[in-house]
Amino acid sequence: MACLVTYYLNGVYLHSENGNGNAFVSESMSGHTSPVECVAFDSTEVLVVTGASTGAIKLWDLREAKIVHTLTGHRINCTAIEFLPFG
């Protein structure tokens, strides 16, 4: 099943495809208290990381549709984020 993550004001939408070419929003996950500004998949496509305008970074587990970790050390907005290719 194909998967696409888009972000909105306080979280992310998980879009899926049902095999017939029909896409739908399968999950809406909220958790940020400010607008999400960037998003990235890990190499396994199981985890997604998001960065927000407060500088908060959240790690999401797509299988469980929940936040597994929050980083709050940034003092300014997070406008770009990525996973290292080796883990």
PDB file of N, CA and C in Angstrom:
ATOM      1  N   MET A   1       0.839  -1.171   0.000  1.00  0.00           N
ATOM      2  CA  MET A   1       0.000   0.000   0.000  1.00  0.00           C
ATOM      3  C   MET A   1       0.887   1.237   0.000  1.00  0.00           C
ATOM      4  N   ALA A   2       0.612   2.169  -0.869  1.00  0.00           N
ATOM      5  CA  ALA A   2       1.369   3.419  -0.923  1.00  0.00           C
ATOM      6  C   ALA A   2       0.981   4.317   0.244  1.00  0.00           C
ATOM      7  N   CYS A   3       1.908   5.167   0.637  1.00  0.00           N
ATOM      8  CA  CYS A   3       1.664   6.056   1.766  1.00  0.00           C
ATOM      9  C   CYS A   3       2.233   7.432   1.451  1.00  0.00           C
ATOM     10  N   LEU A   4       1.507   8.452   1.848  1.00  0.00           N
ATOM     11  CA  LEU A   4       1.935   9.832   1.684  1.00  0.00           C
ATOM     12  C   LEU A   4       1.603  10.564   2.971  1.00  0.00           C
ATOM     13  N   VAL A   5       2.516  11.366   3.447  1.00  0.00           N
ATOM     14  CA  VAL A   5       2.265  12.182   4.632  1.00  0.00           C
ATOM     15  C   VAL A   5       2.249  13.636   4.211  1.00  0.00           C
ATOM     16  N   THR A   6       1.203  14.339   4.596  1.00  0.00           N
ATOM     17  CA  THR A   6       1.150  15.788   4.415  1.00  0.00           C
ATOM     18  C   THR A   6       0.948  16.405   5.785  1.00  0.00           C
ATOM     19  N   TYR A   7       1.300  17.652   5.910  1.00  0.00           N
ATOM     20  CA  TYR A   7       1.152  18.269   7.217  1.00  0.00           C
ATOM     21  C   TYR A   7       0.192  19.437   7.171  1.00  0.00           C
ATOM     22  N   TYR A   8      -0.406  19.684   8.330  1.00  0.00           N
ATOM     23  CA  TYR A   8      -1.344  20.780   8.485  1.00  0.00           C
ATOM     24  C   TYR A   8      -0.948  21.555   9.728  1.00  0.00           C
ATOM     25  N   LEU A   9      -1.781  22.447  10.181  1.00  0.00           N
ATOM     26  CA  LEU A   9      -1.426  23.377  11.241  1.00  0.00           C
ATOM     27  C   LEU A   9      -0.753  22.720  12.446  1.00  0.00           C
ATOM     28  N   ASN A  10      -1.330  21.694  13.041  1.00  0.00           N
ATOM     29  CA  ASN A  10      -0.801  21.127  14.282  1.00  0.00           C
ATOM     30  C   ASN A  10      -0.421  19.650  14.198  1.00  0.00           C
ATOM     31  N   GLY A  11      -0.351  19.088  13.027  1.00  0.00           N
ATOM     32  CA  GLY A  11      -0.021  17.672  12.944  1.00  0.00           C
ATOM     33  C   GLY A  11       0.157  17.212  11.513  1.00  0.00           C
ATOM     34  N   VAL A  12      -0.100  15.925  11.283  1.00  0.00           N
ATOM     35  CA  VAL A  12       0.096  15.349   9.961  1.00  0.00           C
ATOM     36  C   VAL A  12      -1.109  14.504   9.564  1.00  0.00           C
ATOM     37  N   TYR A  13      -1.337  14.425   8.253  1.00  0.00           N
ATOM     38  CA  TYR A  13      -2.313  13.504   7.685  1.00  0.00           C
ATOM     39  C   TYR A  13      -1.543  12.359   7.051  1.00  0.00           C
ATOM     40  N   LEU A  14      -2.009  11.155   7.262  1.00  0.00           N
ATOM     41  CA  LEU A  14      -1.448   9.976   6.621  1.00  0.00           C
ATOM     42  C   LEU A  14      -2.422   9.556   5.528  1.00  0.00           C
ATOM     43  N   HIS A  15      -1.979   9.626   4.273  1.00  0.00           N
ATOM     44  CA  HIS A  15      -2.809   9.260   3.132  1.00  0.00           C
ATOM     45  C   HIS A  15      -2.404   7.860   2.682  1.00  0.00           C
ATOM     46  N   SER A  16      -3.370   7.047   2.318  1.00  0.00           N
ATOM     47  CA  SER A  16      -3.108   5.700   1.836  1.00  0.00           C
ATOM     48  C   SER A  16      -3.777   5.509   0.483  1.00  0.00           C
ATOM     49  N   GLU A  17      -3.398   4.438  -0.183  1.00  0.00           N
ATOM     50  CA  GLU A  17      -3.969   4.087  -1.471  1.00  0.00           C
ATOM     51  C   GLU A  17      -4.451   2.653  -1.353  1.00  0.00           C
ATOM     52  N   ASN A  18      -5.681   2.377  -1.792  1.00  0.00           N
ATOM     53  CA  ASN A  18      -6.304   1.083  -1.532  1.00  0.00           C
ATOM     54  C   ASN A  18      -6.027   0.009  -2.574  1.00  0.00           C
ATOM     55  N   GLY A  19      -5.119   0.241  -3.492  1.00  0.00           N
ATOM     56  CA  GLY A  19      -4.812  -0.755  -4.511  1.00  0.00           C
ATOM     57  C   GLY A  19      -5.593  -0.551  -5.798  1.00  0.00           C
ATOM     58  N   ASN A  20      -6.676   0.196  -5.736  1.00  0.00           N
ATOM     59  CA  ASN A  20      -7.479   0.503  -6.920  1.00  0.00           C
ATOM     60  C   ASN A  20      -7.190   1.892  -7.458  1.00  0.00           C
ATOM     61  N   GLY A  21      -6.163   2.532  -6.922  1.00  0.00           N
ATOM     62  CA  GLY A  21      -5.828   3.876  -7.350  1.00  0.00           C
ATOM     63  C   GLY A  21      -6.578   4.962  -6.607  1.00  0.00           C
ATOM     64  N   ASN A  22      -7.383   4.580  -5.623  1.00  0.00           N
ATOM     65  CA  ASN A  22      -8.146   5.555  -4.846  1.00  0.00           C
ATOM     66  C   ASN A  22      -7.391   5.922  -3.578  1.00  0.00           C
ATOM     67  N   ALA A  23      -7.072   7.190  -3.441  1.00  0.00           N
ATOM     68  CA  ALA A  23      -6.358   7.664  -2.251  1.00  0.00           C
ATOM     69  C   ALA A  23      -7.360   8.183  -1.229  1.00  0.00           C
ATOM     70  N   PHE A  24      -7.011   8.052   0.044  1.00  0.00           N
ATOM     71  CA  PHE A  24      -7.873   8.538   1.113  1.00  0.00           C
ATOM     72  C   PHE A  24      -7.021   8.884   2.320  1.00  0.00           C
ATOM     73  N   VAL A  25      -7.546   9.726   3.192  1.00  0.00           N
ATOM     74  CA  VAL A  25      -6.863  10.043   4.446  1.00  0.00           C
ATOM     75  C   VAL A  25      -7.171   8.914   5.412  1.00  0.00           C
ATOM     76  N   SER A  26      -6.150   8.158   5.787  1.00  0.00           N
ATOM     77  CA  SER A  26      -6.365   7.022   6.679  1.00  0.00           C
ATOM     78  C   SER A  26      -6.138   7.381   8.136  1.00  0.00           C
ATOM     79  N   GLU A  27      -5.459   8.490   8.378  1.00  0.00           N
ATOM     80  CA  GLU A  27      -5.167   8.877   9.765  1.00  0.00           C
ATOM     81  C   GLU A  27      -4.877  10.368   9.819  1.00  0.00           C
ATOM     82  N   SER A  28      -5.348  11.004  10.871  1.00  0.00           N
ATOM     83  CA  SER A  28      -4.999  12.389  11.167  1.00  0.00           C
ATOM     84  C   SER A  28      -4.341  12.381  12.534  1.00  0.00           C
ATOM     85  N   MET A  29      -3.091  12.802  12.596  1.00  0.00           N
ATOM     86  CA  MET A  29      -2.338  12.740  13.846  1.00  0.00           C
ATOM     87  C   MET A  29      -1.966  14.153  14.276  1.00  0.00           C
ATOM     88  N   SER A  30      -2.426  14.554  15.443  1.00  0.00           N
ATOM     89  CA  SER A  30      -2.115  15.900  15.930  1.00  0.00           C
ATOM     90  C   SER A  30      -1.177  15.811  17.120  1.00  0.00           C
ATOM     91  N   GLY A  31      -0.500  16.919  17.403  1.00  0.00           N
ATOM     92  CA  GLY A  31       0.421  16.909  18.523  1.00  0.00           C
ATOM     93  C   GLY A  31       1.238  18.171  18.664  1.00  0.00           C
ATOM     94  N   HIS A  32       1.465  18.877  17.576  1.00  0.00           N
ATOM     95  CA  HIS A  32       2.205  20.133  17.654  1.00  0.00           C
ATOM     96  C   HIS A  32       1.292  21.241  18.171  1.00  0.00           C
ATOM     97  N   THR A  33       1.869  22.226  18.831  1.00  0.00           N
ATOM     98  CA  THR A  33       1.101  23.378  19.308  1.00  0.00           C
ATOM     99  C   THR A  33       1.299  24.592  18.415  1.00  0.00           C
ATOM    100  N   SER A  34       2.052  24.431  17.345  1.00  0.00           N
ATOM    101  CA  SER A  34       2.288  25.501  16.374  1.00  0.00           C
ATOM    102  C   SER A  34       2.355  24.868  14.988  1.00  0.00           C
ATOM    103  N   PRO A  35       2.347  25.678  13.939  1.00  0.00           N
ATOM    104  CA  PRO A  35       2.342  25.119  12.589  1.00  0.00           C
ATOM    105  C   PRO A  35       3.542  24.220  12.291  1.00  0.00           C
ATOM    106  N   VAL A  36       3.263  23.096  11.624  1.00  0.00           N
ATOM    107  CA  VAL A  36       4.300  22.183  11.148  1.00  0.00           C
ATOM    108  C   VAL A  36       4.933  22.814   9.911  1.00  0.00           C
ATOM    109  N   GLU A  37       6.268  22.828   9.858  1.00  0.00           N
ATOM    110  CA  GLU A  37       6.975  23.464   8.744  1.00  0.00           C
ATOM    111  C   GLU A  37       7.767  22.493   7.884  1.00  0.00           C
ATOM    112  N   CYS A  38       8.034  21.275   8.383  1.00  0.00           N
ATOM    113  CA  CYS A  38       8.790  20.312   7.586  1.00  0.00           C
ATOM    114  C   CYS A  38       8.472  18.895   8.047  1.00  0.00           C
ATOM    115  N   VAL A  39       8.708  17.941   7.161  1.00  0.00           N
ATOM    116  CA  VAL A  39       8.421  16.536   7.448  1.00  0.00           C
ATOM    117  C   VAL A  39       9.386  15.659   6.645  1.00  0.00           C
ATOM    118  N   ALA A  40       9.772  14.495   7.215  1.00  0.00           N
ATOM    119  CA  ALA A  40      10.653  13.556   6.511  1.00  0.00           C
ATOM    120  C   ALA A  40      10.379  12.129   6.977  1.00  0.00           C
ATOM    121  N   PHE A  41      10.510  11.172   6.054  1.00  0.00           N
ATOM    122  CA  PHE A  41      10.416   9.744   6.356  1.00  0.00           C
ATOM    123  C   PHE A  41      11.784   9.198   6.724  1.00  0.00           C
ATOM    124  N   ASP A  42      11.814   8.152   7.567  1.00  0.00           N
ATOM    125  CA  ASP A  42      13.058   7.408   7.760  1.00  0.00           C
ATOM    126  C   ASP A  42      13.186   6.399   6.615  1.00  0.00           C
ATOM    127  N   SER A  43      14.312   5.705   6.529  1.00  0.00           N
ATOM    128  CA  SER A  43      14.563   4.797   5.402  1.00  0.00           C
ATOM    129  C   SER A  43      13.621   3.595   5.373  1.00  0.00           C
ATOM    130  N   THR A  44      13.033   3.228   6.505  1.00  0.00           N
ATOM    131  CA  THR A  44      12.097   2.103   6.550  1.00  0.00           C
ATOM    132  C   THR A  44      10.671   2.533   6.246  1.00  0.00           C
ATOM    133  N   GLU A  45      10.431   3.830   6.189  1.00  0.00           N
ATOM    134  CA  GLU A  45       9.113   4.417   5.968  1.00  0.00           C
ATOM    135  C   GLU A  45       8.118   4.034   7.060  1.00  0.00           C
ATOM    136  N   VAL A  46       8.626   3.755   8.248  1.00  0.00           N
ATOM    137  CA  VAL A  46       7.793   3.471   9.414  1.00  0.00           C
ATOM    138  C   VAL A  46       7.713   4.690  10.316  1.00  0.00           C
ATOM    139  N   LEU A  47       8.779   5.462  10.353  1.00  0.00           N
ATOM    140  CA  LEU A  47       8.836   6.648  11.199  1.00  0.00           C
ATOM    141  C   LEU A  47       8.819   7.907  10.346  1.00  0.00           C
ATOM    142  N   VAL A  48       8.181   8.931  10.881  1.00  0.00           N
ATOM    143  CA  VAL A  48       8.172  10.256  10.263  1.00  0.00           C
ATOM    144  C   VAL A  48       8.584  11.246  11.330  1.00  0.00           C
ATOM    145  N   VAL A  49       9.378  12.223  10.934  1.00  0.00           N
ATOM    146  CA  VAL A  49       9.779  13.285  11.849  1.00  0.00           C
ATOM    147  C   VAL A  49       9.215  14.599  11.309  1.00  0.00           C
ATOM    148  N   THR A  50       8.691  15.426  12.224  1.00  0.00           N
ATOM    149  CA  THR A  50       8.145  16.727  11.841  1.00  0.00           C
ATOM    150  C   THR A  50       8.802  17.815  12.668  1.00  0.00           C
ATOM    151  N   GLY A  51       8.944  18.981  12.062  1.00  0.00           N
ATOM    152  CA  GLY A  51       9.479  20.146  12.756  1.00  0.00           C
ATOM    153  C   GLY A  51       8.472  21.277  12.693  1.00  0.00           C
ATOM    154  N   ALA A  52       8.369  22.045  13.771  1.00  0.00           N
ATOM    155  CA  ALA A  52       7.348  23.090  13.857  1.00  0.00           C
ATOM    156  C   ALA A  52       7.961  24.470  14.047  1.00  0.00           C
ATOM    157  N   SER A  53       7.119  25.476  13.958  1.00  0.00           N
ATOM    158  CA  SER A  53       7.579  26.861  14.066  1.00  0.00           C
ATOM    159  C   SER A  53       8.078  27.211  15.461  1.00  0.00           C
ATOM    160  N   THR A  54       7.726  26.436  16.475  1.00  0.00           N
ATOM    161  CA  THR A  54       8.264  26.664  17.826  1.00  0.00           C
ATOM    162  C   THR A  54       9.645  26.061  17.995  1.00  0.00           C
ATOM    163  N   GLY A  55      10.080  25.249  17.029  1.00  0.00           N
ATOM    164  CA  GLY A  55      11.338  24.524  17.137  1.00  0.00           C
ATOM    165  C   GLY A  55      11.144  23.107  17.628  1.00  0.00           C
ATOM    166  N   ALA A  56       9.929  22.762  18.037  1.00  0.00           N
ATOM    167  CA  ALA A  56       9.653  21.396  18.504  1.00  0.00           C
ATOM    168  C   ALA A  56       9.782  20.412  17.344  1.00  0.00           C
ATOM    169  N   ILE A  57      10.381  19.259  17.634  1.00  0.00           N
ATOM    170  CA  ILE A  57      10.533  18.181  16.665  1.00  0.00           C
ATOM    171  C   ILE A  57       9.847  16.955  17.245  1.00  0.00           C
ATOM    172  N   LYS A  58       9.008  16.315  16.434  1.00  0.00           N
ATOM    173  CA  LYS A  58       8.281  15.132  16.900  1.00  0.00           C
ATOM    174  C   LYS A  58       8.579  13.954  15.985  1.00  0.00           C
ATOM    175  N   LEU A  59       8.781  12.800  16.617  1.00  0.00           N
ATOM    176  CA  LEU A  59       9.002  11.544  15.916  1.00  0.00           C
ATOM    177  C   LEU A  59       7.716  10.736  16.015  1.00  0.00           C
ATOM    178  N   TRP A  60       7.164  10.359  14.881  1.00  0.00           N
ATOM    179  CA  TRP A  60       5.885   9.659  14.804  1.00  0.00           C
ATOM    180  C   TRP A  60       6.099   8.228  14.329  1.00  0.00           C
ATOM    181  N   ASP A  61       5.383   7.285  14.920  1.00  0.00           N
ATOM    182  CA  ASP A  61       5.337   5.903  14.457  1.00  0.00           C
ATOM    183  C   ASP A  61       4.076   5.766  13.609  1.00  0.00           C
ATOM    184  N   LEU A  62       4.230   5.523  12.317  1.00  0.00           N
ATOM    185  CA  LEU A  62       3.078   5.442  11.427  1.00  0.00           C
ATOM    186  C   LEU A  62       2.240   4.196  11.663  1.00  0.00           C
ATOM    187  N   ARG A  63       2.850   3.114  12.121  1.00  0.00           N
ATOM    188  CA  ARG A  63       2.081   1.894  12.394  1.00  0.00           C
ATOM    189  C   ARG A  63       1.117   2.093  13.546  1.00  0.00           C
ATOM    190  N   GLU A  64       1.563   2.813  14.562  1.00  0.00           N
ATOM    191  CA  GLU A  64       0.741   3.055  15.751  1.00  0.00           C
ATOM    192  C   GLU A  64      -0.011   4.383  15.676  1.00  0.00           C
ATOM    193  N   ALA A  65       0.338   5.219  14.708  1.00  0.00           N
ATOM    194  CA  ALA A  65      -0.270   6.550  14.540  1.00  0.00           C
ATOM    195  C   ALA A  65      -0.161   7.372  15.817  1.00  0.00           C
ATOM    196  N   LYS A  66       1.077   7.413  16.354  1.00  0.00           N
ATOM    197  CA  LYS A  66       1.278   8.193  17.573  1.00  0.00           C
ATOM    198  C   LYS A  66       2.690   8.763  17.630  1.00  0.00           C
ATOM    199  N   ILE A  67       2.846   9.758  18.483  1.00  0.00           N
ATOM    200  CA  ILE A  67       4.152  10.368  18.721  1.00  0.00           C
ATOM    201  C   ILE A  67       4.939   9.457  19.653  1.00  0.00           C
ATOM    202  N   VAL A  68       6.191   9.156  19.287  1.00  0.00           N
ATOM    203  CA  VAL A  68       7.023   8.314  20.140  1.00  0.00           C
ATOM    204  C   VAL A  68       8.110   9.103  20.856  1.00  0.00           C
ATOM    205  N   HIS A  69       8.393  10.324  20.371  1.00  0.00           N
ATOM    206  CA  HIS A  69       9.400  11.145  21.049  1.00  0.00           C
ATOM    207  C   HIS A  69       9.251  12.601  20.610  1.00  0.00           C
ATOM    208  N   THR A  70       9.515  13.512  21.538  1.00  0.00           N
ATOM    209  CA  THR A  70       9.487  14.943  21.247  1.00  0.00           C
ATOM    210  C   THR A  70      10.803  15.566  21.683  1.00  0.00           C
ATOM    211  N   LEU A  71      11.400  16.352  20.807  1.00  0.00           N
ATOM    212  CA  LEU A  71      12.619  17.106  21.108  1.00  0.00           C
ATOM    213  C   LEU A  71      12.248  18.585  21.177  1.00  0.00           C
ATOM    214  N   THR A  72      12.683  19.260  22.225  1.00  0.00           N
ATOM    215  CA  THR A  72      12.286  20.662  22.419  1.00  0.00           C
ATOM    216  C   THR A  72      13.470  21.597  22.601  1.00  0.00           C
ATOM    217  N   GLY A  73      14.660  21.196  22.214  1.00  0.00           N
ATOM    218  CA  GLY A  73      15.853  21.998  22.452  1.00  0.00           C
ATOM    219  C   GLY A  73      16.053  23.183  21.525  1.00  0.00           C
ATOM    220  N   HIS A  74      15.409  23.178  20.354  1.00  0.00           N
ATOM    221  CA  HIS A  74      15.576  24.296  19.416  1.00  0.00           C
ATOM    222  C   HIS A  74      14.851  25.529  19.921  1.00  0.00           C
ATOM    223  N   ARG A  75      15.465  26.671  19.752  1.00  0.00           N
ATOM    224  CA  ARG A  75      14.865  27.933  20.193  1.00  0.00           C
ATOM    225  C   ARG A  75      14.168  28.681  19.060  1.00  0.00           C
ATOM    226  N   ILE A  76      14.437  28.289  17.817  1.00  0.00           N
ATOM    227  CA  ILE A  76      13.811  28.953  16.674  1.00  0.00           C
ATOM    228  C   ILE A  76      13.079  27.915  15.830  1.00  0.00           C
ATOM    229  N   ASN A  77      12.344  28.387  14.831  1.00  0.00           N
ATOM    230  CA  ASN A  77      11.546  27.467  14.032  1.00  0.00           C
ATOM    231  C   ASN A  77      12.414  26.455  13.288  1.00  0.00           C
ATOM    232  N   CYS A  78      11.858  25.287  13.086  1.00  0.00           N
ATOM    233  CA  CYS A  78      12.515  24.193  12.367  1.00  0.00           C
ATOM    234  C   CYS A  78      11.936  24.179  10.954  1.00  0.00           C
ATOM    235  N   THR A  79      12.742  24.555   9.966  1.00  0.00           N
ATOM    236  CA  THR A  79      12.246  24.670   8.593  1.00  0.00           C
ATOM    237  C   THR A  79      12.717  23.554   7.666  1.00  0.00           C
ATOM    238  N   ALA A  80      13.640  22.714   8.119  1.00  0.00           N
ATOM    239  CA  ALA A  80      14.115  21.586   7.316  1.00  0.00           C
ATOM    240  C   ALA A  80      14.561  20.484   8.265  1.00  0.00           C
ATOM    241  N   ILE A  81      14.302  19.246   7.869  1.00  0.00           N
ATOM    242  CA  ILE A  81      14.646  18.113   8.734  1.00  0.00           C
ATOM    243  C   ILE A  81      14.858  16.880   7.862  1.00  0.00           C
ATOM    244  N   GLU A  82      15.732  15.969   8.297  1.00  0.00           N
ATOM    245  CA  GLU A  82      15.921  14.717   7.577  1.00  0.00           C
ATOM    246  C   GLU A  82      16.548  13.674   8.492  1.00  0.00           C
ATOM    247  N   PHE A  83      16.407  12.420   8.105  1.00  0.00           N
ATOM    248  CA  PHE A  83      17.075  11.312   8.776  1.00  0.00           C
ATOM    249  C   PHE A  83      18.418  11.083   8.098  1.00  0.00           C
ATOM    250  N   LEU A  84      19.410  10.671   8.856  1.00  0.00           N
ATOM    251  CA  LEU A  84      20.672  10.253   8.252  1.00  0.00           C
ATOM    252  C   LEU A  84      20.446   8.925   7.548  1.00  0.00           C
ATOM    253  N   PRO A  85      21.043   8.698   6.393  1.00  0.00           N
ATOM    254  CA  PRO A  85      20.767   7.488   5.628  1.00  0.00           C
ATOM    255  C   PRO A  85      21.222   6.199   6.308  1.00  0.00           C
ATOM    256  N   PHE A  86      22.125   6.271   7.256  1.00  0.00           N
ATOM    257  CA  PHE A  86      22.624   5.060   7.916  1.00  0.00           C
ATOM    258  C   PHE A  86      22.005   4.863   9.291  1.00  0.00           C
ATOM    259  N   GLY A  87      20.926   5.519   9.581  1.00  0.00           N
ATOM    260  CA  GLY A  87      20.234   5.306  10.856  1.00  0.00           C
ATOM    261  C   GLY A  87      20.054   6.544  11.579  1.00  0.00           C
TER     262      GLY A  87
END
